[in-house]
Each structure stands twice: as structure tokens, then as C-alpha cells.
Amino acid sequence: MSTEANIPPAKHDPYAALKIAPFRNFQLSRFLLTFAIQMLETVLAWRLYEITNDPLALGLIGLFEAIPFIITSFFGGHAADTYNRYKIARGTIIAITCSFMAVGLILTGHIPVIKHLGITPIYVIVGFTGIARGFMAPAYQSIFPQLLPRNLYANGATWGSNAWQTAAVVGPAAGGVIYGYATSWALPAVEITYGIGFILMVASFFLFLRVPVKETPPKEKHETLMESLTVGLKFVFNKQLMLSAISLDLFAVLFGGAVALLPVFAKDILHTGPQGMGLLRAAPFLGSVSMGFFLAYYPPTHKAGRNLLIAVTGFGLAIIGFAFSENFYLSWVMLYLTGAFDNISVVIRQTILQVLTPDNMRGRVSAVNQIFIASSNEIGSFESGAMAKLMGTVPSVIFGGCMTLLVVVITYFFAPQMRRLENLGEDTK
């Protein structure tokens, strides 16, 4: 009898990816940048609603960021597969930092344009951050697998999601609490929050400098610019698993985006201040972080297709529950559940992308993924604001949750590979 049959399987190490120093520095840099962005976006949303008292103004923030992001993402993916990904990432950190500081100077009156031009300059600057994100996202996603061995992709995706979600838990809560208490104490609230955000972004940049630079893998063949821009799109649409996973996330976020309307729920329905809004905005991210730690020990890669469909279903039901709630604590729990279910979806989708994508195409495939997923947050924000204007706040969120459930049903019947996906990493080879 072979002795190999008596060798016990290697014990799963939930912290394996974090033991690799370049990956730790990369995720810590990303954590600080995300923390700062989430904190400052919370303050920006609250101030805009104070200025306009119009939910559509909140939705327009997402639209003005999404359109430039979509336009530039294909070029960002091409750049990430052609030029040095690390230099691109550094440049985008600087660009985003400068953009948010410009918004802070406008909100504080140091650049006095609101009296003369209204809030339009803020939307223009937000559009510039969309351009920066269009180059940042493919570069970041292409760097990620260069820092880990292939067998740690799922573990790395889990901790990458945890890093982002943890920052997004603390960031909005910190933004709401700092702004709320500073206002009540007659302190310069916007100056304080944007000053802290600037310090965190600078720290993120210097931490990123500690990530060792690796060469971009050469392309397999010479391509024209147009061929290079479209190859990622063709690759995704030829992979049913990848396309269905991306589509589920796309429509769930697009129709289930209640976060953009939190200022309305906090002020007009739940009757809480900016502190309460910060806690509500942090709830889905806290749910995601909690689920992330669970997934580090119990990866969702076994029966991955079933798990993904269940997760998106739970997300849609929680969105509907949030819409009906008039109690702050129940609303918080529903938002918490949306984050928990969403993280299952994120880990499975990211693992599918990393396993199926060749090294020399990661930037362009990531660009397609980001266009579908990341931009859906911003377009979903606009959809939420526009539907709230047309249907009312609560009916618009109920509608979004129901549409999410419909997308799950469609995917179940029209994507059999996803429905039958068992062991991610084995079935997807």
C-alpha cells in the first residue's frame, strides 16, 4: 500500500497570505486609503444634502464619478498590462489625494466657488477621481496576484476583502462621529475631517513604496491599441463562470444600493443625526468584516455556485427588510446582513477572476470587472437617487431589492456552469 495515502492533508492556515510581508504592506496601504476615502465621502454626502436637501444631488455624486471611470477603465487595463503597474498605482494615490483636498477646500470656503457656481465644481472634481480610479483599479488588481502564490489566491482575496471592508467600517463611522461632534462643539468640522483624511492618504502612499516592484509580464503577441483594449472584454464574455459571477454582483449592487440614500433615511425616516448616519453606513461593512473572518477559516469555495446564489438572495432580502424598517436598530441589522452576504459574493468572484485569468491579461480583465462592479456602485447611487425622486425613498429601495432577487432567478436558469460549480480552483482549472 502506498504511504502517500496515509499522509494527512495540509492543515488550512487562515492567516497564510498575511504572513507574506509585501502582501501585508500592500493591504495596509489600501486600508488607509480606503479609510480616508470612506470618511471623506461620508462628510461630503452629508454636507451636500444639508446644502441641497435633494436626494438626487447625492445620486449625482456617483454618476459624475462612474462615467469617467467607465470611459478610462479600458485604457487603465491596457496601461496595467503594458507599463509598470506599481508606478501607475502610486500616481493614482497622489491624484486621488489632491482631488479630495480640493473638495475639502471648497466645502470649507477656502476656495469660494459655491456662492457663485453652486456645487458643480465639486462634481467636476469627483469626475477627476473617477479618471484616477479607472487607472488605479486595474493596476491594484494586477499587483495582487504578483504578491502571492497561486494556492493562496482565495485566502488573499478573503483578507483583501477584509482590509477594504474594515477600513470601510471605521471610515464612515469616524467621519460621521468626528463631523457631528465637531459641529456640536463649534469646531471647524470639515477642516478636521479632511485634515485627518489627508494624513491617512499620505501614509498610504509611503506604505505603498514598501511594496517591492515587479516587472509587468510581457504580452503573448503584438496587438494594436484597439485589440488590446477589447481583448479583456472578449475574454470575460467567453467565460460563462466569470460572466455570471460578475453579472450577479453588478445587478445586486446596481439595484440594491440603499447606501446612497442613507442621509435621507437617517434624517427623514429614522430621525438621527450625522453620527447615526455614520453608524448606518458602517453597518454593511461591519457585516462584511465579520463574514470575512469567518470565511478565512471556512472558505466558501466548496459548492461555490450554490453559495454565491444564496448570498445574493440574502442580500436582496436584507435590502427589502431595510426599506420597510422604521427602527434604527432593525435598520442597522438589515444593513449589517447586506454586508455579510455581499462579502461571500466578493470572495467567490475575486477567486474566479484570479484563477481563470492569465498573468499578462490581468489588467485588462480587471478593468472589465471594475467597469461592471465598481462603477455599478456609482451608477447604483444615481439609480437610487433618481428612483427615490420618482417613486419615493422607501418604494425605490423595495424595488431595488426585488430586482436583485429577479437577477438570481435568471442566473440560476441561464448559467448552468455557475449553478453546478462545486470546488472553486478545481472545477475552474
Protein backbone atom coordinates (compact mmCIF):
# COMPACT_ATOMS: atom_id res chain seq x y z
CA MET A 1 0.00 0.00 0.00
CA SER A 2 1.35 3.44 -0.87
CA THR A 3 2.42 5.53 2.10
CA GLU A 4 1.05 8.64 0.36
CA ALA A 5 -2.48 7.54 1.30
CA ASN A 6 -1.54 7.79 4.97
CA ILE A 7 -0.21 11.35 4.73
CA PRO A 8 -2.74 13.72 6.33
CA PRO A 9 -3.81 16.73 4.24
CA ALA A 10 -2.02 20.01 4.94
CA LYS A 11 -3.76 22.00 7.65
CA HIS A 12 -5.54 25.07 6.39
CA ASP A 13 -3.78 28.24 7.59
CA PRO A 14 -6.32 31.11 7.66
CA TYR A 15 -3.50 33.68 8.01
CA ALA A 16 -1.18 32.33 5.30
CA ALA A 17 -1.43 35.35 2.98
CA LEU A 18 -0.83 37.82 5.82
CA LYS A 19 2.48 36.14 6.63
CA ILE A 20 3.89 37.45 3.33
CA ALA A 21 5.34 40.93 4.01
CA PRO A 22 4.77 42.53 0.55
CA PHE A 23 1.13 41.46 0.65
CA ARG A 24 0.75 42.91 4.18
CA ASN A 25 2.21 46.28 3.17
CA PHE A 26 0.04 46.37 0.05
CA GLN A 27 -3.13 45.70 2.01
CA LEU A 28 -2.23 48.15 4.80
CA SER A 29 -1.67 50.89 2.23
CA ARG A 30 -5.01 50.05 0.64
CA PHE A 31 -6.64 50.00 4.08
CA LEU A 32 -5.52 53.55 4.93
CA LEU A 33 -6.51 54.93 1.54
CA THR A 34 -9.95 53.30 1.72
CA PHE A 35 -10.43 54.51 5.30
CA ALA A 36 -9.73 58.09 4.26
CA ILE A 37 -11.93 57.96 1.16
CA GLN A 38 -14.89 56.48 3.03
CA MET A 39 -14.57 59.01 5.84
CA LEU A 40 -14.43 61.99 3.48
CA GLU A 41 -17.22 60.68 1.23
CA THR A 42 -19.49 60.41 4.28
CA VAL A 43 -18.86 64.05 5.18
CA LEU A 44 -19.28 65.13 1.55
CA ALA A 45 -22.66 63.36 1.25
CA TRP A 46 -23.94 64.89 4.47
CA ARG A 47 -22.82 68.40 3.51
CA LEU A 48 -24.37 68.15 0.04
CA TYR A 49 -27.69 67.04 1.49
CA GLU A 50 -27.51 69.90 4.00
CA ILE A 51 -26.88 72.34 1.16
CA THR A 52 -29.44 71.00 -1.35
CA ASN A 53 -31.95 68.90 0.66
CA ASP A 54 -32.29 66.86 -2.56
CA PRO A 55 -31.65 63.07 -2.78
CA LEU A 56 -30.85 63.43 -6.48
CA ALA A 57 -27.80 65.54 -5.55
CA LEU A 58 -26.46 62.51 -3.69
CA GLY A 59 -27.07 60.23 -6.67
CA LEU A 60 -25.24 62.64 -8.98
CA ILE A 61 -22.05 62.14 -6.96
CA GLY A 62 -22.00 58.54 -8.12
CA LEU A 63 -22.90 59.37 -11.72
CA PHE A 64 -20.18 62.00 -12.09
CA GLU A 65 -17.61 59.51 -10.81
CA ALA A 66 -18.87 56.47 -12.73
CA ILE A 67 -18.93 57.93 -16.24
CA PRO A 68 -15.24 58.98 -16.32
CA PHE A 69 -14.35 55.72 -14.59
CA ILE A 70 -16.07 53.63 -17.27
CA ILE A 71 -14.51 55.63 -20.10
CA THR A 72 -10.96 55.37 -18.76
CA SER A 73 -11.01 51.82 -17.33
CA PHE A 74 -10.24 50.12 -20.65
CA PHE A 75 -7.22 52.40 -21.05
CA GLY A 76 -6.31 51.69 -17.41
CA GLY A 77 -6.38 47.94 -18.08
CA HIS A 78 -4.23 48.38 -21.19
CA ALA A 79 -1.76 50.50 -19.20
CA ALA A 80 -1.58 47.94 -16.37
CA ASP A 81 -0.66 45.18 -18.85
CA THR A 82 1.79 47.37 -20.81
CA TYR A 83 3.56 49.69 -18.35
CA ASN A 84 4.79 49.42 -14.77
CA ARG A 85 1.75 48.73 -12.58
CA TYR A 86 3.40 50.00 -9.43
CA LYS A 87 4.18 53.45 -10.87
CA ILE A 88 0.58 53.73 -12.11
CA ALA A 89 -0.75 52.88 -8.64
CA ARG A 90 1.49 55.46 -6.97
CA GLY A 91 0.40 58.18 -9.37
CA THR A 92 -3.28 57.47 -8.79
CA ILE A 93 -2.87 57.67 -4.99
CA ILE A 94 -1.41 61.16 -5.44
CA ALA A 95 -4.21 62.18 -7.85
CA ILE A 96 -6.98 60.99 -5.50
CA THR A 97 -5.36 62.74 -2.54
CA CYS A 98 -5.19 66.05 -4.43
CA SER A 99 -8.82 65.70 -5.58
CA PHE A 100 -10.23 65.16 -2.09
CA MET A 101 -8.18 68.03 -0.70
CA ALA A 102 -9.62 70.30 -3.39
CA VAL A 103 -13.15 69.26 -2.39
CA GLY A 104 -12.28 69.98 1.24
CA LEU A 105 -11.04 73.47 0.36
CA ILE A 106 -14.32 74.16 -1.47
CA LEU A 107 -16.50 72.88 1.38
CA THR A 108 -14.57 74.96 3.92
CA GLY A 109 -14.83 78.10 1.80
CA HIS A 110 -11.09 78.43 1.24
CA ILE A 111 -11.90 78.15 -2.45
CA PRO A 112 -15.08 80.30 -2.54
CA VAL A 113 -16.88 78.90 -5.58
CA ILE A 114 -20.15 77.55 -4.12
CA LYS A 115 -21.69 81.04 -3.83
CA HIS A 116 -21.04 81.75 -7.49
CA LEU A 117 -21.13 78.35 -9.21
CA GLY A 118 -23.06 76.18 -6.75
CA ILE A 119 -21.92 72.59 -6.20
CA THR A 120 -20.97 71.97 -9.85
CA PRO A 121 -17.19 72.30 -9.21
CA ILE A 122 -17.46 69.51 -6.65
CA TYR A 123 -18.98 67.21 -9.27
CA VAL A 124 -16.17 68.11 -11.69
CA ILE A 125 -13.52 67.15 -9.13
CA VAL A 126 -15.41 63.95 -8.33
CA GLY A 127 -15.23 63.18 -12.06
CA PHE A 128 -11.46 63.56 -11.92
CA THR A 129 -11.30 60.98 -9.13
CA GLY A 130 -13.25 58.66 -11.44
CA ILE A 131 -10.49 59.01 -14.03
CA ALA A 132 -7.85 58.22 -11.40
CA ARG A 133 -9.81 55.18 -10.23
CA GLY A 134 -10.06 53.98 -13.83
CA PHE A 135 -6.26 53.57 -13.81
CA MET A 136 -5.91 52.58 -10.15
CA ALA A 137 -8.29 49.60 -10.09
CA PRO A 138 -6.67 47.51 -12.86
CA ALA A 139 -3.19 48.27 -11.51
CA TYR A 140 -4.15 47.22 -7.97
CA GLN A 141 -5.89 44.04 -9.11
CA SER A 142 -2.91 43.12 -11.30
CA ILE A 143 -0.40 43.65 -8.48
CA PHE A 144 -2.39 41.48 -6.04
CA PRO A 145 -1.61 38.05 -7.62
CA GLN A 146 2.07 39.00 -8.12
CA LEU A 147 2.46 39.08 -4.34
CA LEU A 148 1.07 35.59 -3.61
CA PRO A 149 1.50 32.01 -4.81
CA ARG A 150 -1.46 30.62 -6.75
CA ASN A 151 -2.62 28.34 -3.92
CA LEU A 152 -3.19 31.42 -1.70
CA TYR A 153 -5.40 33.37 -4.11
CA ALA A 154 -8.62 32.53 -2.24
CA ASN A 155 -7.03 33.29 1.14
CA GLY A 156 -5.60 36.53 -0.25
CA ALA A 157 -8.97 37.51 -1.72
CA THR A 158 -10.55 36.96 1.70
CA TRP A 159 -8.02 39.15 3.52
CA GLY A 160 -8.06 41.72 0.73
CA SER A 161 -11.81 41.99 1.14
CA ASN A 162 -11.38 42.18 4.92
CA ALA A 163 -8.86 45.01 4.63
CA TRP A 164 -11.14 47.03 2.40
CA GLN A 165 -14.26 46.30 4.41
CA THR A 166 -12.60 47.00 7.76
CA ALA A 167 -11.49 50.41 6.53
CA ALA A 168 -14.99 50.98 5.23
CA VAL A 169 -16.44 50.10 8.64
CA VAL A 170 -14.35 52.56 10.58
CA GLY A 171 -14.10 55.26 7.91
CA PRO A 172 -17.78 56.25 7.61
CA ALA A 173 -18.37 55.92 11.34
CA ALA A 174 -15.31 58.06 12.08
CA GLY A 175 -16.37 60.63 9.51
CA GLY A 176 -19.90 60.93 10.91
CA VAL A 177 -18.79 60.98 14.54
CA ILE A 178 -15.96 63.49 14.04
CA TYR A 179 -18.10 65.76 11.90
CA GLY A 180 -21.12 65.52 14.22
CA TYR A 181 -19.28 66.19 17.45
CA ALA A 182 -17.05 68.87 15.98
CA THR A 183 -20.16 70.68 14.73
CA SER A 184 -21.83 70.48 18.15
CA TRP A 185 -18.68 71.85 19.77
CA ALA A 186 -18.45 74.68 17.21
CA LEU A 187 -15.15 73.31 15.90
CA PRO A 188 -14.12 73.51 12.21
CA ALA A 189 -15.70 70.12 11.42
CA VAL A 190 -14.88 69.88 7.71
CA GLU A 191 -11.32 71.09 8.26
CA ILE A 192 -10.71 68.45 10.93
CA THR A 193 -12.10 65.50 8.96
CA TYR A 194 -10.39 66.47 5.70
CA GLY A 195 -7.12 67.15 7.53
CA ILE A 196 -7.18 63.65 9.02
CA GLY A 197 -8.03 62.22 5.61
CA PHE A 198 -5.02 63.96 4.04
CA ILE A 199 -2.66 62.50 6.66
CA LEU A 200 -4.01 58.99 6.07
CA MET A 201 -3.63 59.27 2.30
CA VAL A 202 -0.03 60.42 2.61
CA ALA A 203 0.68 57.48 4.95
CA SER A 204 -0.91 55.15 2.39
CA PHE A 205 1.43 56.43 -0.30
CA PHE A 206 4.57 55.86 1.76
CA LEU A 207 3.43 52.37 2.77
CA PHE A 208 2.91 51.52 -0.88
CA LEU A 209 6.54 52.46 -1.52
CA ARG A 210 7.47 49.47 0.69
CA VAL A 211 5.85 47.02 -1.75
CA PRO A 212 8.65 45.56 -3.91
CA VAL A 213 8.30 46.41 -7.58
CA LYS A 214 7.94 43.50 -10.02
CA GLU A 215 8.05 43.56 -13.79
CA THR A 216 4.83 43.51 -15.81
CA PRO A 217 4.52 40.12 -17.61
CA PRO A 218 5.09 40.51 -21.39
CA LYS A 219 2.14 40.16 -23.73
CA GLU A 220 1.95 36.94 -25.74
CA LYS A 221 1.62 38.74 -29.08
CA HIS A 222 1.81 42.20 -30.59
CA GLU A 223 -1.58 43.91 -30.52
CA THR A 224 -2.92 47.18 -31.79
CA LEU A 225 -4.31 49.57 -29.19
CA MET A 226 -7.89 48.68 -30.14
CA GLU A 227 -7.18 44.94 -29.90
CA SER A 228 -5.55 45.42 -26.51
CA LEU A 229 -8.50 47.48 -25.25
CA THR A 230 -11.11 44.90 -26.27
CA VAL A 231 -9.33 41.60 -25.51
CA GLY A 232 -10.34 41.68 -21.84
CA LEU A 233 -13.99 42.17 -22.74
CA LYS A 234 -13.89 39.24 -25.19
CA PHE A 235 -12.16 37.03 -22.62
CA VAL A 236 -14.81 37.71 -19.95
CA PHE A 237 -17.75 37.14 -22.30
CA ASN A 238 -16.29 33.80 -23.41
CA LYS A 239 -16.12 32.53 -19.80
CA GLN A 240 -19.62 31.74 -18.51
CA LEU A 241 -18.44 31.35 -14.90
CA MET A 242 -16.70 34.69 -14.90
CA LEU A 243 -19.51 36.50 -16.71
CA SER A 244 -22.25 35.12 -14.46
CA ALA A 245 -20.31 35.91 -11.27
CA ILE A 246 -19.69 39.48 -12.42
CA SER A 247 -23.30 39.90 -13.55
CA LEU A 248 -24.70 38.79 -10.20
CA ASP A 249 -22.60 41.35 -8.37
CA LEU A 250 -23.31 44.02 -10.97
CA PHE A 251 -27.09 43.89 -10.74
CA ALA A 252 -27.18 43.27 -6.99
CA VAL A 253 -25.16 46.42 -6.36
CA LEU A 254 -26.91 48.38 -9.12
CA PHE A 255 -30.42 47.73 -7.84
CA GLY A 256 -29.64 47.15 -4.16
CA GLY A 257 -27.72 50.35 -3.49
CA ALA A 258 -29.52 51.81 -0.47
CA VAL A 259 -26.32 53.35 0.92
CA ALA A 260 -26.62 56.41 -1.35
CA LEU A 261 -29.94 57.26 0.32
CA LEU A 262 -28.71 56.92 3.91
CA PRO A 263 -28.75 60.69 4.52
CA VAL A 264 -32.47 60.64 3.62
CA PHE A 265 -33.23 57.60 5.81
CA ALA A 266 -31.16 58.98 8.70
CA LYS A 267 -32.67 62.46 8.64
CA ASP A 268 -36.25 61.99 7.48
CA ILE A 269 -37.23 58.38 8.38
CA LEU A 270 -35.09 57.28 11.32
CA HIS A 271 -34.65 60.83 12.68
CA THR A 272 -30.98 60.57 13.62
CA GLY A 273 -28.08 62.95 13.02
CA PRO A 274 -24.77 62.58 11.17
CA GLN A 275 -23.49 60.30 13.95
CA GLY A 276 -26.36 57.89 13.30
CA MET A 277 -25.80 58.10 9.55
CA GLY A 278 -22.15 57.21 10.06
CA LEU A 279 -23.15 54.15 12.09
CA LEU A 280 -25.70 53.11 9.45
CA ARG A 281 -23.15 53.47 6.68
CA ALA A 282 -20.66 51.41 8.68
CA ALA A 283 -23.16 48.57 9.27
CA PRO A 284 -22.82 46.76 5.90
CA PHE A 285 -19.06 46.98 6.11
CA LEU A 286 -19.04 45.62 9.66
CA GLY A 287 -21.18 42.73 8.45
CA SER A 288 -18.70 42.15 5.66
CA VAL A 289 -15.72 42.16 8.03
CA SER A 290 -17.42 39.70 10.38
CA MET A 291 -18.18 37.39 7.49
CA GLY A 292 -14.65 37.85 6.17
CA PHE A 293 -13.09 36.48 9.35
CA PHE A 294 -15.49 33.52 9.19
CA LEU A 295 -14.55 32.88 5.55
CA ALA A 296 -10.84 32.92 6.43
CA TYR A 297 -11.46 29.77 8.47
CA TYR A 298 -14.25 28.31 6.33
CA PRO A 299 -13.68 29.34 2.68
CA PRO A 300 -16.83 29.46 0.51
CA THR A 301 -15.08 27.67 -2.36
CA HIS A 302 -16.82 24.32 -1.71
CA LYS A 303 -20.15 24.35 -3.56
CA ALA A 304 -19.19 27.85 -4.67
CA GLY A 305 -22.01 28.26 -7.19
CA ARG A 306 -24.69 27.41 -4.64
CA ASN A 307 -23.07 29.70 -2.06
CA LEU A 308 -22.96 32.62 -4.47
CA LEU A 309 -26.64 32.32 -5.42
CA ILE A 310 -27.69 32.03 -1.76
CA ALA A 311 -25.56 35.04 -0.81
CA VAL A 312 -27.06 37.33 -3.45
CA THR A 313 -30.56 36.16 -2.49
CA GLY A 314 -29.87 37.03 1.15
CA PHE A 315 -28.55 40.42 0.06
CA GLY A 316 -31.78 41.23 -1.80
CA LEU A 317 -34.00 40.14 1.10
CA ALA A 318 -31.99 42.26 3.56
CA ILE A 319 -32.35 45.32 1.31
CA ILE A 320 -36.13 44.86 1.30
CA GLY A 321 -36.13 44.46 5.10
CA PHE A 322 -34.17 47.70 5.45
CA ALA A 323 -36.67 49.56 3.27
CA PHE A 324 -39.61 48.54 5.48
CA SER A 325 -37.87 49.31 8.78
CA GLU A 326 -38.65 52.48 10.74
CA ASN A 327 -36.50 51.43 13.70
CA PHE A 328 -32.84 52.48 13.81
CA TYR A 329 -31.61 49.21 15.33
CA LEU A 330 -33.54 46.99 12.91
CA SER A 331 -32.31 49.10 10.00
CA TRP A 332 -28.75 48.69 11.25
CA VAL A 333 -29.16 44.90 11.43
CA MET A 334 -30.54 44.73 7.88
CA LEU A 335 -27.61 46.76 6.56
CA TYR A 336 -25.24 44.52 8.54
CA LEU A 337 -26.69 41.48 6.77
CA THR A 338 -26.27 43.08 3.33
CA GLY A 339 -22.55 43.39 4.04
CA ALA A 340 -22.22 39.83 5.32
CA PHE A 341 -23.91 38.34 2.26
CA ASP A 342 -22.04 40.65 -0.11
CA ASN A 343 -18.62 39.52 1.16
CA ILE A 344 -19.37 35.91 0.27
CA SER A 345 -20.08 37.07 -3.26
CA VAL A 346 -16.91 39.19 -3.38
CA VAL A 347 -14.59 36.37 -2.27
CA ILE A 348 -16.04 33.87 -4.74
CA ARG A 349 -15.97 36.34 -7.63
CA GLN A 350 -12.41 37.50 -6.93
CA THR A 351 -11.17 33.91 -6.69
CA ILE A 352 -12.83 33.02 -10.01
CA LEU A 353 -11.15 36.02 -11.64
CA GLN A 354 -7.69 35.25 -10.26
CA VAL A 355 -7.84 31.53 -11.12
CA LEU A 356 -9.11 31.95 -14.69
CA THR A 357 -7.10 35.00 -15.81
CA PRO A 358 -3.59 34.68 -17.37
CA ASP A 359 -0.90 36.90 -15.82
CA ASN A 360 -0.40 39.03 -18.93
CA MET A 361 -4.12 39.84 -19.16
CA ARG A 362 -4.88 40.66 -15.52
CA GLY A 363 -5.03 44.41 -16.06
CA ARG A 364 -7.49 44.27 -18.94
CA VAL A 365 -9.71 41.59 -17.38
CA SER A 366 -9.65 43.51 -14.11
CA ALA A 367 -10.69 46.65 -15.99
CA VAL A 368 -13.77 44.84 -17.31
CA ASN A 369 -14.56 43.56 -13.84
CA GLN A 370 -14.17 47.04 -12.35
CA ILE A 371 -16.37 48.60 -15.02
CA PHE A 372 -19.14 46.14 -14.21
CA ILE A 373 -18.70 46.07 -10.43
CA ALA A 374 -17.08 49.25 -9.15
CA SER A 375 -18.97 51.56 -11.50
CA SER A 376 -22.21 49.83 -10.53
CA ASN A 377 -21.79 51.36 -7.06
CA GLU A 378 -21.79 54.85 -8.52
CA ILE A 379 -24.45 54.18 -11.16
CA GLY A 380 -26.44 52.39 -8.47
CA SER A 381 -26.19 55.53 -6.37
CA PHE A 382 -27.61 57.56 -9.24
CA GLU A 383 -30.32 54.95 -9.83
CA SER A 384 -31.25 55.10 -6.15
CA GLY A 385 -31.40 58.88 -6.15
CA ALA A 386 -33.38 59.06 -9.38
CA MET A 387 -35.86 56.34 -8.37
CA ALA A 388 -36.29 57.96 -4.96
CA LYS A 389 -37.16 61.18 -6.76
CA LEU A 390 -39.72 59.39 -8.96
CA MET A 391 -41.17 56.74 -6.62
CA GLY A 392 -40.33 57.93 -3.14
CA THR A 393 -37.45 56.77 -0.96
CA VAL A 394 -38.92 53.58 0.55
CA PRO A 395 -40.62 52.23 -2.63
CA SER A 396 -37.42 52.76 -4.63
CA VAL A 397 -35.39 50.61 -2.21
CA ILE A 398 -38.06 47.88 -2.18
CA PHE A 399 -38.00 47.90 -5.99
CA GLY A 400 -34.22 47.50 -5.96
CA GLY A 401 -34.33 44.52 -3.62
CA CYS A 402 -36.97 42.78 -5.76
CA MET A 403 -34.90 43.33 -8.91
CA THR A 404 -31.91 41.73 -7.15
CA LEU A 405 -33.97 38.61 -6.44
CA LEU A 406 -35.10 38.51 -10.07
CA VAL A 407 -31.46 38.55 -11.23
CA VAL A 408 -30.72 35.50 -9.04
CA VAL A 409 -33.58 33.57 -10.67
CA ILE A 410 -32.38 34.48 -14.17
CA THR A 411 -28.79 33.44 -13.35
CA TYR A 412 -29.95 30.12 -11.89
CA PHE A 413 -31.71 29.12 -15.11
CA PHE A 414 -29.38 30.65 -17.72
CA ALA A 415 -25.91 29.99 -16.20
CA PRO A 416 -25.73 26.20 -15.60
CA GLN A 417 -21.93 26.26 -15.10
CA MET A 418 -22.37 28.59 -12.15
CA ARG A 419 -25.23 26.55 -10.73
CA ARG A 420 -23.13 23.36 -10.91
CA LEU A 421 -19.83 24.87 -9.71
CA GLU A 422 -18.61 22.74 -6.82
CA ASN A 423 -14.96 23.18 -5.79
CA LEU A 424 -13.58 26.51 -6.93
CA GLY A 425 -9.97 26.06 -8.01
CA GLU A 426 -10.59 22.52 -9.17
CA ASP A 427 -13.69 22.82 -11.33
CA THR A 428 -12.32 26.06 -12.79
CA LYS A 429 -8.95 24.81 -13.97
